[in-house]
Structure formats: C-alpha cells, structure tokens
Amino acid sequence: MLQKARENDPESTLKLIELFKGDIVHISKFIHMSEEDAVSDIILEFLEMIKRQEEEK
C-alpha cells in the first residue's frame, strides 16, 4: 500500500490517510490553529514525507 501511494495511487493514498486519521486528529489538537487547518497541514506533511523517503532511496 505504501509503495502504491508513493506511485500516486489515489486509493492507496486514501487508505493510508484513513489508517492514520485518528492519530492525525489527536495531534491536531496540540497545534494552535483550527482543527481543520491543522489536519490539512498534517496530512500534507505526511504525504510529502512519503514522497521524500522514496526519493532518498
């Protein structure tokens, strides 16, 4: 699933986000902005991290 997400497979990407959704929402409560904005920022960083790790290999 992770490899498919790195290859821009939308279904795998959504599954990964859903898998970590609870953690993302929990962490968003510690960021001083609206929950919606914090969740969006965390998801964006998460997806960028996945892409970066693939490029570093």
PDB file of N, CA and C in Angstrom:
ATOM      1  N   MET A   1       0.829  -1.191   0.000  1.00  0.00           N
ATOM      2  CA  MET A   1       0.000   0.000   0.000  1.00  0.00           C
ATOM      3  C   MET A   1       0.876   1.258   0.000  1.00  0.00           C
ATOM      4  N   LEU A   2       1.927   1.255   0.811  1.00  0.00           N
ATOM      5  CA  LEU A   2       2.816   2.416   0.885  1.00  0.00           C
ATOM      6  C   LEU A   2       3.483   2.665  -0.463  1.00  0.00           C
ATOM      7  N   GLN A   3       3.955   1.617  -1.089  1.00  0.00           N
ATOM      8  CA  GLN A   3       4.607   1.766  -2.391  1.00  0.00           C
ATOM      9  C   GLN A   3       3.630   2.305  -3.435  1.00  0.00           C
ATOM     10  N   LYS A   4       2.415   1.804  -3.407  1.00  0.00           N
ATOM     11  CA  LYS A   4       1.407   2.292  -4.356  1.00  0.00           C
ATOM     12  C   LYS A   4       1.097   3.769  -4.108  1.00  0.00           C
ATOM     13  N   ALA A   5       1.050   4.173  -2.848  1.00  0.00           N
ATOM     14  CA  ALA A   5       0.815   5.590  -2.531  1.00  0.00           C
ATOM     15  C   ALA A   5       1.962   6.443  -3.056  1.00  0.00           C
ATOM     16  N   ARG A   6       3.184   5.932  -2.944  1.00  0.00           N
ATOM     17  CA  ARG A   6       4.342   6.651  -3.480  1.00  0.00           C
ATOM     18  C   ARG A   6       4.263   6.788  -4.994  1.00  0.00           C
ATOM     19  N   GLU A   7       3.570   5.859  -5.623  1.00  0.00           N
ATOM     20  CA  GLU A   7       3.401   5.888  -7.081  1.00  0.00           C
ATOM     21  C   GLU A   7       2.130   6.646  -7.479  1.00  0.00           C
ATOM     22  N   ASN A   8       1.601   7.417  -6.547  1.00  0.00           N
ATOM     23  CA  ASN A   8       0.423   8.278  -6.770  1.00  0.00           C
ATOM     24  C   ASN A   8      -0.871   7.513  -7.011  1.00  0.00           C
ATOM     25  N   ASP A   9      -1.011   6.349  -6.406  1.00  0.00           N
ATOM     26  CA  ASP A   9      -2.269   5.612  -6.490  1.00  0.00           C
ATOM     27  C   ASP A   9      -3.255   6.245  -5.505  1.00  0.00           C
ATOM     28  N   PRO A  10      -4.328   6.864  -5.990  1.00  0.00           N
ATOM     29  CA  PRO A  10      -5.249   7.587  -5.097  1.00  0.00           C
ATOM     30  C   PRO A  10      -5.903   6.703  -4.040  1.00  0.00           C
ATOM     31  N   GLU A  11      -6.265   5.491  -4.401  1.00  0.00           N
ATOM     32  CA  GLU A  11      -6.923   4.597  -3.439  1.00  0.00           C
ATOM     33  C   GLU A  11      -5.984   4.249  -2.285  1.00  0.00           C
ATOM     34  N   SER A  12      -4.734   3.938  -2.602  1.00  0.00           N
ATOM     35  CA  SER A  12      -3.762   3.614  -1.552  1.00  0.00           C
ATOM     36  C   SER A  12      -3.473   4.824  -0.674  1.00  0.00           C
ATOM     37  N   THR A  13      -3.403   5.989  -1.289  1.00  0.00           N
ATOM     38  CA  THR A  13      -3.164   7.215  -0.534  1.00  0.00           C
ATOM     39  C   THR A  13      -4.298   7.465   0.452  1.00  0.00           C
ATOM     40  N   LEU A  14      -5.532   7.316  -0.007  1.00  0.00           N
ATOM     41  CA  LEU A  14      -6.681   7.499   0.885  1.00  0.00           C
ATOM     42  C   LEU A  14      -6.699   6.466   2.002  1.00  0.00           C
ATOM     43  N   LYS A  15      -6.333   5.232   1.694  1.00  0.00           N
ATOM     44  CA  LYS A  15      -6.294   4.189   2.724  1.00  0.00           C
ATOM     45  C   LYS A  15      -5.262   4.521   3.795  1.00  0.00           C
ATOM     46  N   LEU A  16      -4.098   5.028   3.386  1.00  0.00           N
ATOM     47  CA  LEU A  16      -3.078   5.413   4.364  1.00  0.00           C
ATOM     48  C   LEU A  16      -3.573   6.550   5.250  1.00  0.00           C
ATOM     49  N   ILE A  17      -4.208   7.537   4.650  1.00  0.00           N
ATOM     50  CA  ILE A  17      -4.736   8.657   5.436  1.00  0.00           C
ATOM     51  C   ILE A  17      -5.789   8.158   6.417  1.00  0.00           C
ATOM     52  N   GLU A  18      -6.677   7.295   5.965  1.00  0.00           N
ATOM     53  CA  GLU A  18      -7.706   6.729   6.850  1.00  0.00           C
ATOM     54  C   GLU A  18      -7.074   5.919   7.981  1.00  0.00           C
ATOM     55  N   LEU A  19      -6.015   5.191   7.664  1.00  0.00           N
ATOM     56  CA  LEU A  19      -5.328   4.376   8.666  1.00  0.00           C
ATOM     57  C   LEU A  19      -4.790   5.241   9.810  1.00  0.00           C
ATOM     58  N   PHE A  20      -4.284   6.425   9.473  1.00  0.00           N
ATOM     59  CA  PHE A  20      -3.681   7.306  10.470  1.00  0.00           C
ATOM     60  C   PHE A  20      -4.598   8.448  10.898  1.00  0.00           C
ATOM     61  N   LYS A  21      -5.842   8.448  10.441  1.00  0.00           N
ATOM     62  CA  LYS A  21      -6.771   9.556  10.702  1.00  0.00           C
ATOM     63  C   LYS A  21      -6.930   9.848  12.199  1.00  0.00           C
ATOM     64  N   GLY A  22      -7.077   8.819  13.010  1.00  0.00           N
ATOM     65  CA  GLY A  22      -7.226   9.027  14.452  1.00  0.00           C
ATOM     66  C   GLY A  22      -6.027   9.726  15.058  1.00  0.00           C
ATOM     67  N   ASP A  23      -4.831   9.295  14.678  1.00  0.00           N
ATOM     68  CA  ASP A  23      -3.607   9.929  15.173  1.00  0.00           C
ATOM     69  C   ASP A  23      -3.493  11.366  14.678  1.00  0.00           C
ATOM     70  N   ILE A  24      -3.857  11.579  13.420  1.00  0.00           N
ATOM     71  CA  ILE A  24      -3.782  12.920  12.842  1.00  0.00           C
ATOM     72  C   ILE A  24      -4.710  13.876  13.587  1.00  0.00           C
ATOM     73  N   VAL A  25      -5.933  13.453  13.836  1.00  0.00           N
ATOM     74  CA  VAL A  25      -6.895  14.303  14.550  1.00  0.00           C
ATOM     75  C   VAL A  25      -6.407  14.564  15.977  1.00  0.00           C
ATOM     76  N   HIS A  26      -5.866  13.546  16.632  1.00  0.00           N
ATOM     77  CA  HIS A  26      -5.362  13.710  18.003  1.00  0.00           C
ATOM     78  C   HIS A  26      -4.230  14.736  18.040  1.00  0.00           C
ATOM     79  N   ILE A  27      -3.280  14.606  17.144  1.00  0.00           N
ATOM     80  CA  ILE A  27      -2.141  15.526  17.109  1.00  0.00           C
ATOM     81  C   ILE A  27      -2.593  16.944  16.761  1.00  0.00           C
ATOM     82  N   SER A  28      -3.618  17.062  15.927  1.00  0.00           N
ATOM     83  CA  SER A  28      -4.079  18.389  15.505  1.00  0.00           C
ATOM     84  C   SER A  28      -4.559  19.233  16.679  1.00  0.00           C
ATOM     85  N   LYS A  29      -4.963  18.603  17.754  1.00  0.00           N
ATOM     86  CA  LYS A  29      -5.461  19.337  18.925  1.00  0.00           C
ATOM     87  C   LYS A  29      -4.349  20.100  19.646  1.00  0.00           C
ATOM     88  N   PHE A  30      -3.090  19.753  19.379  1.00  0.00           N
ATOM     89  CA  PHE A  30      -1.962  20.409  20.024  1.00  0.00           C
ATOM     90  C   PHE A  30      -1.374  21.529  19.172  1.00  0.00           C
ATOM     91  N   ILE A  31      -1.963  21.771  18.019  1.00  0.00           N
ATOM     92  CA  ILE A  31      -1.494  22.824  17.125  1.00  0.00           C
ATOM     93  C   ILE A  31      -2.452  24.010  17.266  1.00  0.00           C
ATOM     94  N   HIS A  32      -1.888  25.188  17.413  1.00  0.00           N
ATOM     95  CA  HIS A  32      -2.695  26.381  17.682  1.00  0.00           C
ATOM     96  C   HIS A  32      -3.256  26.989  16.397  1.00  0.00           C
ATOM     97  N   MET A  33      -4.189  26.271  15.803  1.00  0.00           N
ATOM     98  CA  MET A  33      -4.965  26.755  14.657  1.00  0.00           C
ATOM     99  C   MET A  33      -6.239  25.933  14.633  1.00  0.00           C
ATOM    100  N   SER A  34      -7.131  26.225  13.727  1.00  0.00           N
ATOM    101  CA  SER A  34      -8.369  25.448  13.686  1.00  0.00           C
ATOM    102  C   SER A  34      -8.040  23.978  13.424  1.00  0.00           C
ATOM    103  N   GLU A  35      -8.877  23.097  13.950  1.00  0.00           N
ATOM    104  CA  GLU A  35      -8.628  21.659  13.781  1.00  0.00           C
ATOM    105  C   GLU A  35      -8.572  21.289  12.301  1.00  0.00           C
ATOM    106  N   GLU A  36      -9.462  21.863  11.520  1.00  0.00           N
ATOM    107  CA  GLU A  36      -9.498  21.558  10.083  1.00  0.00           C
ATOM    108  C   GLU A  36      -8.187  21.948   9.397  1.00  0.00           C
ATOM    109  N   ASP A  37      -7.672  23.142   9.710  1.00  0.00           N
ATOM    110  CA  ASP A  37      -6.408  23.589   9.119  1.00  0.00           C
ATOM    111  C   ASP A  37      -5.247  22.722   9.591  1.00  0.00           C
ATOM    112  N   ALA A  38      -5.241  22.383  10.875  1.00  0.00           N
ATOM    113  CA  ALA A  38      -4.171  21.554  11.417  1.00  0.00           C
ATOM    114  C   ALA A  38      -4.177  20.173  10.770  1.00  0.00           C
ATOM    115  N   VAL A  39      -5.349  19.572  10.626  1.00  0.00           N
ATOM    116  CA  VAL A  39      -5.453  18.256   9.990  1.00  0.00           C
ATOM    117  C   VAL A  39      -4.948  18.339   8.553  1.00  0.00           C
ATOM    118  N   SER A  40      -5.341  19.369   7.838  1.00  0.00           N
ATOM    119  CA  SER A  40      -4.886  19.542   6.451  1.00  0.00           C
ATOM    120  C   SER A  40      -3.370  19.663   6.376  1.00  0.00           C
ATOM    121  N   ASP A  41      -2.784  20.451   7.270  1.00  0.00           N
ATOM    122  CA  ASP A  41      -1.330  20.616   7.288  1.00  0.00           C
ATOM    123  C   ASP A  41      -0.623  19.306   7.610  1.00  0.00           C
ATOM    124  N   ILE A  42      -1.137  18.568   8.576  1.00  0.00           N
ATOM    125  CA  ILE A  42      -0.523  17.294   8.957  1.00  0.00           C
ATOM    126  C   ILE A  42      -0.594  16.305   7.799  1.00  0.00           C
ATOM    127  N   ILE A  43      -1.735  16.223   7.146  1.00  0.00           N
ATOM    128  CA  ILE A  43      -1.881  15.299   6.013  1.00  0.00           C
ATOM    129  C   ILE A  43      -0.923  15.693   4.890  1.00  0.00           C
ATOM    130  N   LEU A  44      -0.811  16.973   4.612  1.00  0.00           N
ATOM    131  CA  LEU A  44       0.107  17.435   3.580  1.00  0.00           C
ATOM    132  C   LEU A  44       1.545  17.043   3.920  1.00  0.00           C
ATOM    133  N   GLU A  45       1.963  17.282   5.159  1.00  0.00           N
ATOM    134  CA  GLU A  45       3.314  16.904   5.588  1.00  0.00           C
ATOM    135  C   GLU A  45       3.521  15.392   5.503  1.00  0.00           C
ATOM    136  N   PHE A  46       2.520  14.632   5.877  1.00  0.00           N
ATOM    137  CA  PHE A  46       2.575  13.169   5.822  1.00  0.00           C
ATOM    138  C   PHE A  46       2.809  12.702   4.383  1.00  0.00           C
ATOM    139  N   LEU A  47       2.040  13.253   3.449  1.00  0.00           N
ATOM    140  CA  LEU A  47       2.187  12.862   2.045  1.00  0.00           C
ATOM    141  C   LEU A  47       3.540  13.295   1.484  1.00  0.00           C
ATOM    142  N   GLU A  48       4.002  14.474   1.866  1.00  0.00           N
ATOM    143  CA  GLU A  48       5.322  14.931   1.424  1.00  0.00           C
ATOM    144  C   GLU A  48       6.423  14.042   1.981  1.00  0.00           C
ATOM    145  N   MET A  49       6.279  13.591   3.228  1.00  0.00           N
ATOM    146  CA  MET A  49       7.265  12.699   3.832  1.00  0.00           C
ATOM    147  C   MET A  49       7.339  11.377   3.070  1.00  0.00           C
ATOM    148  N   ILE A  50       6.181  10.843   2.708  1.00  0.00           N
ATOM    149  CA  ILE A  50       6.150   9.590   1.951  1.00  0.00           C
ATOM    150  C   ILE A  50       6.916   9.757   0.641  1.00  0.00           C
ATOM    151  N   LYS A  51       6.694  10.852  -0.053  1.00  0.00           N
ATOM    152  CA  LYS A  51       7.376  11.105  -1.325  1.00  0.00           C
ATOM    153  C   LYS A  51       8.877  11.296  -1.120  1.00  0.00           C
ATOM    154  N   ARG A  52       9.266  12.050  -0.088  1.00  0.00           N
ATOM    155  CA  ARG A  52      10.688  12.293   0.188  1.00  0.00           C
ATOM    156  C   ARG A  52      11.430  11.006   0.465  1.00  0.00           C
ATOM    157  N   GLN A  53      10.840  10.132   1.257  1.00  0.00           N
ATOM    158  CA  GLN A  53      11.507   8.882   1.606  1.00  0.00           C
ATOM    159  C   GLN A  53      11.736   8.024   0.374  1.00  0.00           C
ATOM    160  N   GLU A  54      10.848   8.072  -0.578  1.00  0.00           N
ATOM    161  CA  GLU A  54      11.022   7.315  -1.823  1.00  0.00           C
ATOM    162  C   GLU A  54      12.174   7.903  -2.635  1.00  0.00           C
ATOM    163  N   GLU A  55      12.280   9.224  -2.673  1.00  0.00           N
ATOM    164  CA  GLU A  55      13.333   9.885  -3.437  1.00  0.00           C
ATOM    165  C   GLU A  55      14.711   9.636  -2.836  1.00  0.00           C
ATOM    166  N   GLU A  56      14.791   9.443  -1.528  1.00  0.00           N
ATOM    167  CA  GLU A  56      16.066   9.240  -0.850  1.00  0.00           C
ATOM    168  C   GLU A  56      16.627   7.843  -1.056  1.00  0.00           C
ATOM    169  N   LYS A  57      15.810   6.932  -1.530  1.00  0.00           N
ATOM    170  CA  LYS A  57      16.275   5.549  -1.725  1.00  0.00           C
ATOM    171  C   LYS A  57      17.151   5.431  -2.939  1.00  0.00           C
TER     172      LYS A  57
END
